[in-house]
Amino acid sequence: MPDLEPNPNQIVPFELSKHEWRERLSPAAFDVLRKEGTERPFTSPLNDEKRDGEYACAGCGLVLFTAAQKFDSGTGWPSFFDTVAGRVETKRDFKLILPRTEYHCARCGGHQGHVFNDGPQPTGLRYCNNGVALTFIPGDAA
């Protein structure tokens, strides 16, 4: 599998077959990223991650968030008040009857989570992310 630039100047779509995604991802990451599943709350070690660094899509390595954008929402999932510009795309989700805004990695289309309007300033947003859909790049390695 190719190593993809975590911070490209231009985002070029990255696609694999279902079989290739299954080979690349753990079963839990495949369920979330490719089947739009949700991990159980308070199960991701990234929920408690406090170091400086970046959070990248576990599917393709595109950096979606920085540690400066992370906050403790108390929900049990890693949460961020903003994204790295141009790195996520959104769509409406009606799976729970009431509409929600779902967001995906702009490069590979991997499902990350949902965005809500109950976050802190300066955006007032809460990007509620599945930890298994992310990888953490420590600041000294970023």
Protein backbone atom coordinates (compact mmCIF):
# COMPACT_ATOMS: atom_id res chain seq x y z
CA MET A 1 0.00 0.00 0.00
CA PRO A 2 1.31 3.45 -0.79
CA ASP A 3 2.40 5.88 1.92
CA LEU A 4 0.36 9.02 1.42
CA GLU A 5 1.41 12.55 2.39
CA PRO A 6 -0.30 13.52 5.69
CA ASN A 7 -0.32 17.25 4.80
CA PRO A 8 -0.58 17.55 1.00
CA ASN A 9 -0.97 20.88 -0.79
CA GLN A 10 -3.73 19.35 -2.91
CA ILE A 11 -6.02 16.49 -1.93
CA VAL A 12 -6.23 13.78 -4.56
CA PRO A 13 -8.93 11.13 -3.97
CA PHE A 14 -7.63 7.76 -2.74
CA GLU A 15 -9.72 4.69 -3.53
CA LEU A 16 -9.30 0.99 -2.84
CA SER A 17 -11.48 -2.04 -3.42
CA LYS A 18 -13.46 -3.45 -0.50
CA HIS A 19 -10.92 -6.31 -0.32
CA GLU A 20 -7.97 -3.88 -0.24
CA TRP A 21 -9.63 -1.85 2.55
CA ARG A 22 -10.16 -5.05 4.57
CA GLU A 23 -6.46 -5.89 4.19
CA ARG A 24 -5.39 -2.35 5.15
CA LEU A 25 -7.65 -1.83 8.20
CA SER A 26 -8.44 -3.64 11.42
CA PRO A 27 -11.99 -5.08 11.57
CA ALA A 28 -13.07 -2.26 13.93
CA ALA A 29 -11.56 0.45 11.71
CA PHE A 30 -13.15 -1.14 8.62
CA ASP A 31 -16.57 -1.11 10.32
CA VAL A 32 -16.30 2.61 11.13
CA LEU A 33 -14.42 3.95 8.11
CA ARG A 34 -16.02 1.89 5.35
CA LYS A 35 -19.42 0.88 6.82
CA GLU A 36 -20.14 4.07 8.82
CA GLY A 37 -20.24 2.23 12.12
CA THR A 38 -19.71 3.75 15.57
CA GLU A 39 -17.35 2.52 18.26
CA ARG A 40 -18.52 2.31 21.87
CA PRO A 41 -17.84 5.46 23.93
CA PHE A 42 -14.85 5.59 26.28
CA THR A 43 -13.06 2.77 24.41
CA SER A 44 -10.48 4.80 22.47
CA PRO A 45 -7.15 5.75 24.07
CA LEU A 46 -7.26 8.87 21.87
CA ASN A 47 -10.10 10.19 24.01
CA ASP A 48 -7.54 10.84 26.78
CA GLU A 49 -4.64 11.87 24.51
CA LYS A 50 -3.22 15.21 25.71
CA ARG A 51 0.13 15.50 23.88
CA ASP A 52 0.86 17.99 21.12
CA GLY A 53 0.48 16.51 17.66
CA GLU A 54 -1.89 15.78 14.82
CA TYR A 55 -4.79 13.40 14.28
CA ALA A 56 -4.86 11.70 10.89
CA CYS A 57 -7.40 9.51 9.10
CA ALA A 58 -6.63 5.86 9.90
CA GLY A 59 -7.58 4.95 6.34
CA CYS A 60 -5.22 7.14 4.36
CA GLY A 61 -3.13 9.19 6.80
CA LEU A 62 -4.52 12.62 5.89
CA VAL A 63 -4.23 14.97 8.89
CA LEU A 64 -7.76 16.06 9.86
CA PHE A 65 -7.21 17.74 13.24
CA THR A 66 -4.47 19.23 15.41
CA ALA A 67 -4.08 18.81 19.15
CA ALA A 68 -4.86 22.53 19.51
CA GLN A 69 -8.36 21.81 18.12
CA LYS A 70 -9.10 18.98 20.59
CA PHE A 71 -11.17 19.36 23.75
CA ASP A 72 -12.73 17.07 26.36
CA SER A 73 -16.43 16.93 25.52
CA GLY A 74 -17.23 14.33 28.19
CA THR A 75 -19.01 12.22 25.54
CA GLY A 76 -16.47 9.38 25.46
CA TRP A 77 -15.22 10.08 21.94
CA PRO A 78 -12.28 12.25 20.84
CA SER A 79 -13.79 15.67 20.11
CA PHE A 80 -12.54 18.69 18.19
CA PHE A 81 -13.96 22.20 17.74
CA ASP A 82 -12.53 22.62 14.22
CA THR A 83 -10.79 20.70 11.43
CA VAL A 84 -7.76 21.35 9.29
CA ALA A 85 -9.28 23.41 6.43
CA GLY A 86 -10.47 21.37 3.46
CA ARG A 87 -9.77 17.99 5.06
CA VAL A 88 -13.33 16.79 5.80
CA GLU A 89 -16.55 16.68 3.80
CA THR A 90 -20.05 16.53 5.27
CA LYS A 91 -23.41 15.02 4.40
CA ARG A 92 -26.79 14.67 6.12
CA ASP A 93 -27.45 11.44 7.99
CA PHE A 94 -30.99 10.29 8.85
CA LYS A 95 -30.10 6.92 10.44
CA LEU A 96 -31.49 7.97 13.84
CA ILE A 97 -34.59 9.62 12.29
CA LEU A 98 -33.51 13.13 13.32
CA PRO A 99 -31.04 14.56 10.81
CA ARG A 100 -27.39 14.78 11.81
CA THR A 101 -24.33 16.01 9.95
CA GLU A 102 -21.89 13.21 9.21
CA TYR A 103 -18.33 13.93 8.16
CA HIS A 104 -15.79 11.96 6.16
CA CYS A 105 -12.12 12.22 5.21
CA ALA A 106 -11.82 14.34 2.08
CA ARG A 107 -9.17 12.04 0.58
CA CYS A 108 -10.45 8.49 1.11
CA GLY A 109 -14.08 9.11 2.08
CA GLY A 110 -13.63 7.25 5.36
CA HIS A 111 -16.40 7.92 7.89
CA GLN A 112 -15.08 9.77 10.95
CA GLY A 113 -18.13 10.78 12.99
CA HIS A 114 -20.75 13.51 13.34
CA VAL A 115 -20.57 17.24 13.95
CA PHE A 116 -22.86 18.96 16.45
CA ASN A 117 -23.55 22.59 17.40
CA ASP A 118 -22.72 22.18 21.10
CA GLY A 119 -18.95 22.72 21.11
CA PRO A 120 -16.79 25.45 22.59
CA GLN A 121 -15.84 28.76 21.05
CA PRO A 122 -14.50 29.95 18.72
CA THR A 123 -16.61 27.71 16.42
CA GLY A 124 -19.33 26.36 18.71
CA LEU A 125 -18.91 23.00 16.92
CA ARG A 126 -18.14 19.53 18.25
CA TYR A 127 -16.62 17.11 15.76
CA CYS A 128 -17.34 13.86 17.60
CA ASN A 129 -14.86 11.37 16.14
CA ASN A 130 -14.52 7.62 16.35
CA GLY A 131 -11.04 7.03 17.80
CA VAL A 132 -10.53 3.91 15.70
CA ALA A 133 -10.89 6.12 12.60
CA LEU A 134 -7.85 8.19 13.62
CA THR A 135 -4.15 7.75 14.18
CA PHE A 136 -2.20 10.12 16.42
CA ILE A 137 1.07 11.64 15.21
CA PRO A 138 2.98 13.03 18.22
CA GLY A 139 4.24 16.61 17.89
CA ASP A 140 7.87 15.60 17.79
CA ALA A 141 7.07 13.31 14.83
CA ALA A 142 4.61 15.64 13.07
